[in-house]
Every structure is written in structure tokens, then in C-alpha cells.
Amino acid sequence: MRVETRVIHIYGKKVVEVECPHCGKVQKVSVERIPLTGKEYRVKCPCGGTWAVKFEQRRHLRKAEKLVGAVTVKGIEYLVDITDLSISGCSFINKDARCKLGRGDTLHIRFRLDSDNAELVECSAIVRNTGEQTGVEFSNVPDRVKKILTFHFMA
């Protein structure tokens, strides 16, 4: 029986529980003993069941997305493909080679959620990571946008 990789969020925790998907046995693991986050580990239970687990230390859950958006940098707008989203930020693929972004740069981001209401999310953001994808942290987020994102993750 193939079992999906279990993602365990460890942000702000000292101990996490790892539950066997085969027998339900729960093991408590000290977060200090977890060597690397983001890497997948094979776990074997005394019942003989094995599965993969991934420890995630992000503060907020990330959700994979396929959204088209736009970023404005120094008054010029560029199209982007948003690949994941959280309440505090997102990652995107820059579709325009002319748009050069570096860590710490500020920009304005705008996109519509893939929901019944197609709510518009629009706010400032700070570049935190660059590479194949650009990761940004939202800043100066209006209350209306905070509510939209919170509802999106509750749905």
C-alpha cells in the first residue's frame, strides 16, 4: 500500500507527533533531533509499516497554485506565474527576462485567486529568495487582503 508523504509542521514547536498511517501508533519526536527541514525521510514503525515524512518549518502553510499575476517594479509591470501561496507570501516564475529582481527589492504584486469570487489580492512585497522562482513576503497588507487570504486557506 503506497502512502502519501506526510508533512509535519514544526514551526514554534519543541515536540511533534509522528503517527504511523498503518497502525496509528504515535511517536513523539523532539524538534531539536530533526536534522534538516524540507527533506523527505523514510520512517519505519515497529509494526513494519514504512512511509515518508517531511518536516516543514514555515510559519504558514503553503498551497500550490497556478495563478497568473503581475508585479510592478520601479513603475514597470511584468507578468508572473504564481506557483505557491501562503498567508504571508508567495513564489512566482518571472515571465519577463527584463525584470531583474534581487533579495531585498520591493515590489507591488497583484493577482486574482482561483475561487468562485476570483478575489483580487494586491499589496506590496519584499523579495526574500531568487532563482528559478522568486519568493516574496507580503508587506503593508491591507485588512481586506488579509481576510481574503485567511478565507482562501480555510476553504
N, C-alpha and C. Protein backbone atom coordinates (compact mmCIF):
# COMPACT_ATOMS: atom_id res chain seq x y z
N MET A 1 0.84 -1.19 0.00
CA MET A 1 0.00 0.00 0.00
C MET A 1 0.88 1.25 0.00
N ARG A 2 0.73 2.10 -1.00
CA ARG A 2 1.51 3.33 -1.12
C ARG A 2 0.86 4.41 -0.26
N VAL A 3 1.64 5.02 0.59
CA VAL A 3 1.14 6.07 1.48
C VAL A 3 1.78 7.39 1.07
N GLU A 4 0.98 8.44 0.98
CA GLU A 4 1.50 9.76 0.62
C GLU A 4 2.49 10.23 1.67
N THR A 5 3.40 11.09 1.23
CA THR A 5 4.34 11.71 2.16
C THR A 5 3.56 12.57 3.15
N ARG A 6 3.84 12.39 4.42
CA ARG A 6 3.21 13.20 5.46
C ARG A 6 4.06 14.44 5.71
N VAL A 7 3.43 15.60 5.74
CA VAL A 7 4.12 16.84 6.04
C VAL A 7 3.78 17.21 7.48
N ILE A 8 4.82 17.43 8.27
CA ILE A 8 4.64 17.78 9.68
C ILE A 8 5.22 19.16 9.90
N HIS A 9 4.37 20.09 10.34
CA HIS A 9 4.80 21.47 10.58
C HIS A 9 5.41 21.58 11.97
N ILE A 10 6.64 22.12 12.03
CA ILE A 10 7.36 22.17 13.30
C ILE A 10 7.60 23.59 13.80
N TYR A 11 7.17 24.60 13.05
CA TYR A 11 7.44 25.98 13.43
C TYR A 11 6.90 26.28 14.83
N GLY A 12 7.77 26.78 15.69
CA GLY A 12 7.36 27.19 17.04
C GLY A 12 7.09 26.04 18.00
N LYS A 13 7.42 24.82 17.62
CA LYS A 13 7.15 23.66 18.47
C LYS A 13 8.46 23.08 18.99
N LYS A 14 8.40 22.45 20.16
CA LYS A 14 9.56 21.77 20.72
C LYS A 14 9.47 20.26 20.47
N VAL A 15 8.23 19.75 20.39
CA VAL A 15 7.99 18.33 20.18
C VAL A 15 6.87 18.18 19.15
N VAL A 16 7.02 17.23 18.23
CA VAL A 16 5.96 16.93 17.27
C VAL A 16 5.60 15.46 17.36
N GLU A 17 4.39 15.13 16.94
CA GLU A 17 3.94 13.75 16.94
C GLU A 17 3.94 13.21 15.52
N VAL A 18 4.53 12.02 15.36
CA VAL A 18 4.57 11.33 14.08
C VAL A 18 3.70 10.09 14.22
N GLU A 19 2.61 10.05 13.43
CA GLU A 19 1.66 8.94 13.53
C GLU A 19 1.83 7.97 12.36
N CYS A 20 1.89 6.69 12.68
CA CYS A 20 2.01 5.66 11.65
C CYS A 20 0.68 5.56 10.91
N PRO A 21 0.69 5.70 9.57
CA PRO A 21 -0.56 5.61 8.81
C PRO A 21 -1.08 4.17 8.71
N HIS A 22 -0.27 3.20 9.13
CA HIS A 22 -0.66 1.80 9.03
C HIS A 22 -1.34 1.30 10.30
N CYS A 23 -0.75 1.63 11.47
CA CYS A 23 -1.31 1.10 12.72
C CYS A 23 -1.83 2.18 13.67
N GLY A 24 -1.48 3.45 13.39
CA GLY A 24 -1.96 4.55 14.22
C GLY A 24 -1.08 4.86 15.42
N LYS A 25 0.01 4.11 15.62
CA LYS A 25 0.91 4.36 16.75
C LYS A 25 1.53 5.75 16.58
N VAL A 26 1.62 6.48 17.69
CA VAL A 26 2.15 7.84 17.68
C VAL A 26 3.49 7.87 18.41
N GLN A 27 4.48 8.46 17.76
CA GLN A 27 5.78 8.66 18.38
C GLN A 27 6.01 10.15 18.54
N LYS A 28 6.51 10.56 19.70
CA LYS A 28 6.86 11.96 19.91
C LYS A 28 8.33 12.14 19.56
N VAL A 29 8.61 13.20 18.78
CA VAL A 29 9.97 13.48 18.34
C VAL A 29 10.33 14.90 18.74
N SER A 30 11.49 15.07 19.37
CA SER A 30 11.99 16.39 19.72
C SER A 30 12.41 17.10 18.45
N VAL A 31 11.97 18.33 18.28
CA VAL A 31 12.31 19.11 17.10
C VAL A 31 13.82 19.30 17.00
N GLU A 32 14.50 19.36 18.13
CA GLU A 32 15.96 19.51 18.13
C GLU A 32 16.65 18.34 17.45
N ARG A 33 16.02 17.17 17.41
CA ARG A 33 16.62 15.99 16.80
C ARG A 33 16.39 15.90 15.29
N ILE A 34 15.61 16.83 14.75
CA ILE A 34 15.32 16.81 13.31
C ILE A 34 16.44 17.55 12.60
N PRO A 35 17.23 16.83 11.76
CA PRO A 35 18.42 17.44 11.16
C PRO A 35 18.14 18.52 10.11
N LEU A 36 17.34 18.23 9.12
CA LEU A 36 17.09 19.18 8.03
C LEU A 36 15.60 19.23 7.73
N THR A 37 15.10 20.44 7.53
CA THR A 37 13.70 20.55 7.13
C THR A 37 13.66 20.63 5.61
N GLY A 38 12.51 20.31 5.06
CA GLY A 38 12.34 20.35 3.61
C GLY A 38 12.79 19.09 2.92
N LYS A 39 13.50 18.22 3.62
CA LYS A 39 13.99 16.97 3.04
C LYS A 39 13.03 15.85 3.44
N GLU A 40 12.86 14.88 2.55
CA GLU A 40 11.97 13.76 2.82
C GLU A 40 12.75 12.63 3.52
N TYR A 41 12.15 12.08 4.57
CA TYR A 41 12.77 10.99 5.31
C TYR A 41 11.87 9.75 5.27
N ARG A 42 12.46 8.57 5.22
CA ARG A 42 11.72 7.31 5.33
C ARG A 42 11.61 6.98 6.81
N VAL A 43 10.42 6.59 7.23
CA VAL A 43 10.17 6.24 8.62
C VAL A 43 9.69 4.80 8.67
N LYS A 44 10.19 4.05 9.65
CA LYS A 44 9.74 2.67 9.81
C LYS A 44 9.18 2.51 11.22
N CYS A 45 8.00 1.96 11.27
CA CYS A 45 7.29 1.74 12.53
C CYS A 45 7.58 0.31 13.02
N PRO A 46 7.51 0.07 14.35
CA PRO A 46 7.66 -1.30 14.86
C PRO A 46 6.65 -2.29 14.26
N CYS A 47 5.52 -1.77 13.73
CA CYS A 47 4.52 -2.66 13.11
C CYS A 47 4.99 -3.16 11.75
N GLY A 48 6.09 -2.59 11.23
CA GLY A 48 6.61 -2.99 9.93
C GLY A 48 6.23 -2.02 8.82
N GLY A 49 5.32 -1.12 9.08
CA GLY A 49 4.91 -0.14 8.08
C GLY A 49 5.99 0.91 7.84
N THR A 50 6.12 1.33 6.60
CA THR A 50 7.06 2.41 6.26
C THR A 50 6.33 3.49 5.47
N TRP A 51 6.81 4.69 5.60
CA TRP A 51 6.24 5.82 4.88
C TRP A 51 7.24 6.96 4.88
N ALA A 52 6.95 7.99 4.10
CA ALA A 52 7.84 9.16 4.02
C ALA A 52 7.24 10.30 4.83
N VAL A 53 8.13 11.05 5.46
CA VAL A 53 7.71 12.22 6.23
C VAL A 53 8.63 13.38 5.87
N LYS A 54 8.04 14.57 5.85
CA LYS A 54 8.79 15.78 5.53
C LYS A 54 8.48 16.79 6.63
N PHE A 55 9.51 17.34 7.24
CA PHE A 55 9.32 18.33 8.30
C PHE A 55 9.39 19.73 7.70
N GLU A 56 8.41 20.54 7.98
CA GLU A 56 8.28 21.88 7.41
C GLU A 56 8.33 22.89 8.53
N GLN A 57 9.21 23.87 8.41
CA GLN A 57 9.29 24.87 9.48
C GLN A 57 8.76 26.24 9.08
N ARG A 58 8.06 26.31 7.99
CA ARG A 58 7.45 27.59 7.61
C ARG A 58 6.38 27.96 8.65
N ARG A 59 6.25 29.25 8.86
CA ARG A 59 5.27 29.75 9.81
C ARG A 59 3.85 29.50 9.33
N HIS A 60 3.63 29.64 8.03
CA HIS A 60 2.29 29.46 7.47
C HIS A 60 2.30 28.38 6.39
N LEU A 61 1.21 27.67 6.32
CA LEU A 61 1.03 26.63 5.30
C LEU A 61 1.15 27.23 3.91
N ARG A 62 1.82 26.53 3.02
CA ARG A 62 1.91 26.94 1.62
C ARG A 62 1.00 26.05 0.80
N LYS A 63 0.35 26.64 -0.18
CA LYS A 63 -0.58 25.93 -1.03
C LYS A 63 -0.12 26.09 -2.49
N ALA A 64 0.02 24.98 -3.20
CA ALA A 64 0.40 25.04 -4.61
C ALA A 64 -0.71 25.74 -5.39
N GLU A 65 -0.32 26.59 -6.29
CA GLU A 65 -1.29 27.35 -7.08
C GLU A 65 -0.83 27.41 -8.54
N LYS A 66 -1.75 27.74 -9.41
CA LYS A 66 -1.45 28.06 -10.82
C LYS A 66 -2.23 29.32 -11.14
N LEU A 67 -1.64 30.45 -10.78
CA LEU A 67 -2.31 31.73 -10.96
C LEU A 67 -1.45 32.65 -11.82
N VAL A 68 -2.09 33.48 -12.60
CA VAL A 68 -1.38 34.50 -13.36
C VAL A 68 -1.50 35.80 -12.58
N GLY A 69 -0.38 36.48 -12.46
CA GLY A 69 -0.38 37.74 -11.74
C GLY A 69 0.53 38.74 -12.40
N ALA A 70 0.72 39.86 -11.71
CA ALA A 70 1.61 40.90 -12.22
C ALA A 70 2.36 41.51 -11.05
N VAL A 71 3.62 41.84 -11.30
CA VAL A 71 4.40 42.59 -10.32
C VAL A 71 4.80 43.91 -10.96
N THR A 72 4.80 44.94 -10.17
CA THR A 72 5.24 46.24 -10.63
C THR A 72 6.53 46.59 -9.89
N VAL A 73 7.57 46.85 -10.67
CA VAL A 73 8.88 47.19 -10.12
C VAL A 73 9.32 48.49 -10.76
N LYS A 74 9.56 49.49 -9.93
CA LYS A 74 10.01 50.81 -10.43
C LYS A 74 9.10 51.32 -11.53
N GLY A 75 7.79 51.15 -11.35
CA GLY A 75 6.81 51.68 -12.27
C GLY A 75 6.54 50.84 -13.52
N ILE A 76 7.24 49.72 -13.68
CA ILE A 76 7.04 48.86 -14.85
C ILE A 76 6.38 47.56 -14.40
N GLU A 77 5.32 47.16 -15.14
CA GLU A 77 4.57 45.95 -14.79
C GLU A 77 5.07 44.75 -15.60
N TYR A 78 5.23 43.61 -14.91
CA TYR A 78 5.67 42.37 -15.54
C TYR A 78 4.71 41.25 -15.17
N LEU A 79 4.44 40.34 -16.11
CA LEU A 79 3.58 39.20 -15.83
C LEU A 79 4.37 38.10 -15.13
N VAL A 80 3.70 37.40 -14.20
CA VAL A 80 4.32 36.30 -13.46
C VAL A 80 3.32 35.16 -13.34
N ASP A 81 3.85 33.94 -13.17
CA ASP A 81 3.03 32.77 -12.85
C ASP A 81 3.25 32.44 -11.38
N ILE A 82 2.21 32.57 -10.58
CA ILE A 82 2.32 32.29 -9.15
C ILE A 82 2.18 30.78 -8.96
N THR A 83 3.19 30.19 -8.30
CA THR A 83 3.26 28.74 -8.15
C THR A 83 2.85 28.25 -6.77
N ASP A 84 3.02 29.10 -5.76
CA ASP A 84 2.50 28.74 -4.43
C ASP A 84 2.20 29.99 -3.65
N LEU A 85 1.37 29.81 -2.63
CA LEU A 85 0.83 30.95 -1.90
C LEU A 85 0.66 30.58 -0.44
N SER A 86 0.94 31.54 0.42
CA SER A 86 0.64 31.39 1.85
C SER A 86 0.01 32.70 2.30
N ILE A 87 -0.37 32.76 3.55
CA ILE A 87 -0.96 33.99 4.08
C ILE A 87 0.09 35.11 4.10
N SER A 88 1.36 34.74 4.20
CA SER A 88 2.40 35.75 4.35
C SER A 88 3.25 36.00 3.10
N GLY A 89 3.03 35.24 2.01
CA GLY A 89 3.84 35.47 0.83
C GLY A 89 3.51 34.50 -0.29
N CYS A 90 4.34 34.51 -1.33
CA CYS A 90 4.13 33.60 -2.45
C CYS A 90 5.44 33.40 -3.21
N SER A 91 5.42 32.44 -4.11
CA SER A 91 6.52 32.22 -5.04
C SER A 91 5.97 32.36 -6.44
N PHE A 92 6.79 32.89 -7.34
CA PHE A 92 6.34 33.03 -8.71
C PHE A 92 7.49 32.83 -9.68
N ILE A 93 7.11 32.51 -10.91
CA ILE A 93 8.06 32.41 -12.01
C ILE A 93 7.91 33.69 -12.82
N ASN A 94 9.03 34.36 -12.99
CA ASN A 94 9.05 35.60 -13.74
C ASN A 94 9.00 35.28 -15.23
N LYS A 95 8.02 35.81 -15.94
CA LYS A 95 7.84 35.50 -17.36
C LYS A 95 8.58 36.48 -18.27
N ASP A 96 9.23 37.47 -17.69
CA ASP A 96 9.89 38.50 -18.49
C ASP A 96 11.35 38.64 -18.06
N ALA A 97 12.26 38.31 -18.96
CA ALA A 97 13.69 38.35 -18.64
C ALA A 97 14.18 39.76 -18.30
N ARG A 98 13.45 40.77 -18.71
CA ARG A 98 13.86 42.16 -18.42
C ARG A 98 13.67 42.52 -16.95
N CYS A 99 12.83 41.75 -16.26
CA CYS A 99 12.54 42.03 -14.85
C CYS A 99 13.62 41.39 -13.98
N LYS A 100 14.55 42.18 -13.52
CA LYS A 100 15.65 41.69 -12.68
C LYS A 100 15.32 42.01 -11.23
N LEU A 101 15.24 40.96 -10.42
CA LEU A 101 14.92 41.13 -9.01
C LEU A 101 16.05 40.58 -8.15
N GLY A 102 16.31 41.26 -7.05
CA GLY A 102 17.32 40.81 -6.10
C GLY A 102 16.74 40.76 -4.70
N ARG A 103 17.40 40.01 -3.86
CA ARG A 103 16.97 39.88 -2.47
C ARG A 103 16.88 41.26 -1.81
N GLY A 104 15.74 41.52 -1.16
CA GLY A 104 15.53 42.80 -0.50
C GLY A 104 14.80 43.83 -1.34
N ASP A 105 14.66 43.57 -2.65
CA ASP A 105 13.92 44.50 -3.51
C ASP A 105 12.45 44.55 -3.08
N THR A 106 11.83 45.70 -3.29
CA THR A 106 10.40 45.82 -3.01
C THR A 106 9.65 45.92 -4.33
N LEU A 107 8.43 45.43 -4.30
CA LEU A 107 7.60 45.44 -5.50
C LEU A 107 6.14 45.48 -5.08
N HIS A 108 5.30 45.64 -6.06
CA HIS A 108 3.85 45.60 -5.84
C HIS A 108 3.35 44.37 -6.61
N ILE A 109 2.54 43.54 -5.95
CA ILE A 109 2.05 42.32 -6.60
C ILE A 109 0.52 42.34 -6.66
N ARG A 110 0.00 41.78 -7.75
CA ARG A 110 -1.45 41.76 -7.96
C ARG A 110 -1.83 40.46 -8.66
N PHE A 111 -2.85 39.78 -8.13
CA PHE A 111 -3.36 38.56 -8.77
C PHE A 111 -4.77 38.28 -8.26
N ARG A 112 -5.47 37.45 -9.00
CA ARG A 112 -6.81 37.01 -8.60
C ARG A 112 -6.74 35.56 -8.16
N LEU A 113 -7.43 35.25 -7.07
CA LEU A 113 -7.47 33.88 -6.58
C LEU A 113 -8.33 33.02 -7.49
N ASP A 114 -8.03 31.75 -7.50
CA ASP A 114 -8.77 30.77 -8.29
C ASP A 114 -9.94 30.28 -7.44
N SER A 115 -10.92 31.14 -7.25
CA SER A 115 -12.07 30.81 -6.42
C SER A 115 -13.34 31.31 -7.09
N ASP A 116 -14.48 30.99 -6.51
CA ASP A 116 -15.75 31.42 -7.09
C ASP A 116 -15.83 32.93 -7.25
N ASN A 117 -15.31 33.67 -6.27
CA ASN A 117 -15.39 35.13 -6.32
C ASN A 117 -14.23 35.76 -7.07
N ALA A 118 -13.19 34.98 -7.38
CA ALA A 118 -11.98 35.49 -8.06
C ALA A 118 -11.51 36.78 -7.40
N GLU A 119 -11.35 36.71 -6.08
CA GLU A 119 -10.97 37.90 -5.30
C GLU A 119 -9.61 38.44 -5.73
N LEU A 120 -9.50 39.75 -5.78
CA LEU A 120 -8.25 40.41 -6.14
C LEU A 120 -7.37 40.58 -4.90
N VAL A 121 -6.13 40.09 -5.01
CA VAL A 121 -5.14 40.28 -3.96
C VAL A 121 -4.12 41.26 -4.51
N GLU A 122 -3.89 42.32 -3.74
CA GLU A 122 -2.99 43.38 -4.20
C GLU A 122 -2.30 43.98 -2.99
N CYS A 123 -0.95 43.95 -3.00
CA CYS A 123 -0.20 44.51 -1.88
C CYS A 123 1.27 44.67 -2.25
N SER A 124 2.03 45.25 -1.35
CA SER A 124 3.47 45.36 -1.52
C SER A 124 4.12 44.05 -1.09
N ALA A 125 5.35 43.82 -1.54
CA ALA A 125 6.07 42.61 -1.15
C ALA A 125 7.57 42.88 -1.19
N ILE A 126 8.29 42.07 -0.41
CA ILE A 126 9.75 42.16 -0.35
C ILE A 126 10.32 40.85 -0.87
N VAL A 127 11.27 40.92 -1.79
CA VAL A 127 11.90 39.71 -2.34
C VAL A 127 12.77 39.07 -1.26
N ARG A 128 12.51 37.79 -1.00
CA ARG A 128 13.28 37.04 0.00
C ARG A 128 14.22 36.02 -0.64
N ASN A 129 13.82 35.46 -1.80
CA ASN A 129 14.65 34.47 -2.49
C ASN A 129 14.53 34.68 -3.99
N THR A 130 15.63 34.41 -4.69
CA THR A 130 15.60 34.46 -6.15
C THR A 130 16.24 33.18 -6.68
N GLY A 131 15.99 32.89 -7.92
CA GLY A 131 16.50 31.68 -8.56
C GLY A 131 15.52 31.31 -9.66
N GLU A 132 15.25 30.01 -9.80
CA GLU A 132 14.25 29.58 -10.79
C GLU A 132 12.91 30.25 -10.49
N GLN A 133 12.63 30.36 -9.21
CA GLN A 133 11.41 31.06 -8.77
C GLN A 133 11.82 32.18 -7.84
N THR A 134 10.97 33.17 -7.73
CA THR A 134 11.19 34.28 -6.82
C THR A 134 10.22 34.13 -5.66
N GLY A 135 10.73 34.20 -4.44
CA GLY A 135 9.90 34.12 -3.25
C GLY A 135 9.78 35.49 -2.63
N VAL A 136 8.55 35.90 -2.32
CA VAL A 136 8.33 37.21 -1.72
C VAL A 136 7.52 37.08 -0.44
N GLU A 137 7.76 38.03 0.45
CA GLU A 137 6.98 38.15 1.68
C GLU A 137 6.10 39.38 1.52
N PHE A 138 4.80 39.23 1.74
CA PHE A 138 3.89 40.36 1.64
C PHE A 138 4.20 41.37 2.74
N SER A 139 4.03 42.66 2.41
CA SER A 139 4.22 43.71 3.41
C SER A 139 3.12 44.75 3.23
N ASN A 140 2.85 45.48 4.28
CA ASN A 140 1.79 46.51 4.25
C ASN A 140 0.50 45.94 3.65
N VAL A 141 0.09 44.79 4.18
CA VAL A 141 -1.07 44.09 3.64
C VAL A 141 -2.35 44.74 4.19
N PRO A 142 -3.21 45.23 3.31
CA PRO A 142 -4.48 45.80 3.78
C PRO A 142 -5.34 44.73 4.48
N ASP A 143 -6.14 45.15 5.44
CA ASP A 143 -7.00 44.23 6.19
C ASP A 143 -7.90 43.42 5.26
N ARG A 144 -8.40 44.05 4.21
CA ARG A 144 -9.27 43.36 3.25
C ARG A 144 -8.54 42.17 2.63
N VAL A 145 -7.27 42.35 2.27
CA VAL A 145 -6.48 41.28 1.65
C VAL A 145 -6.17 40.19 2.68
N LYS A 146 -5.89 40.59 3.92
CA LYS A 146 -5.66 39.59 4.98
C LYS A 146 -6.87 38.68 5.13
N LYS A 147 -8.06 39.27 5.11
CA LYS A 147 -9.29 38.49 5.24
C LYS A 147 -9.47 37.55 4.05
N ILE A 148 -9.19 38.05 2.85
CA ILE A 148 -9.34 37.23 1.64
C ILE A 148 -8.40 36.02 1.71
N LEU A 149 -7.13 36.26 2.08
CA LEU A 149 -6.17 35.16 2.15
C LEU A 149 -6.51 34.17 3.25
N THR A 150 -6.94 34.67 4.40
CA THR A 150 -7.33 33.78 5.50
C THR A 150 -8.49 32.88 5.07
N PHE A 151 -9.49 33.46 4.44
CA PHE A 151 -10.64 32.68 3.98
C PHE A 151 -10.21 31.67 2.93
N HIS A 152 -9.29 32.06 2.03
CA HIS A 152 -8.81 31.16 0.98
C HIS A 152 -8.18 29.90 1.59
N PHE A 153 -7.46 30.06 2.69
CA PHE A 153 -6.80 28.92 3.31
C PHE A 153 -7.72 28.11 4.20
N MET A 154 -8.85 28.68 4.56
CA MET A 154 -9.83 27.94 5.36
C MET A 154 -10.73 27.08 4.47
N ALA A 155 -10.89 27.50 3.21
CA ALA A 155 -11.78 26.80 2.30
C ALA A 155 -11.24 25.46 1.86
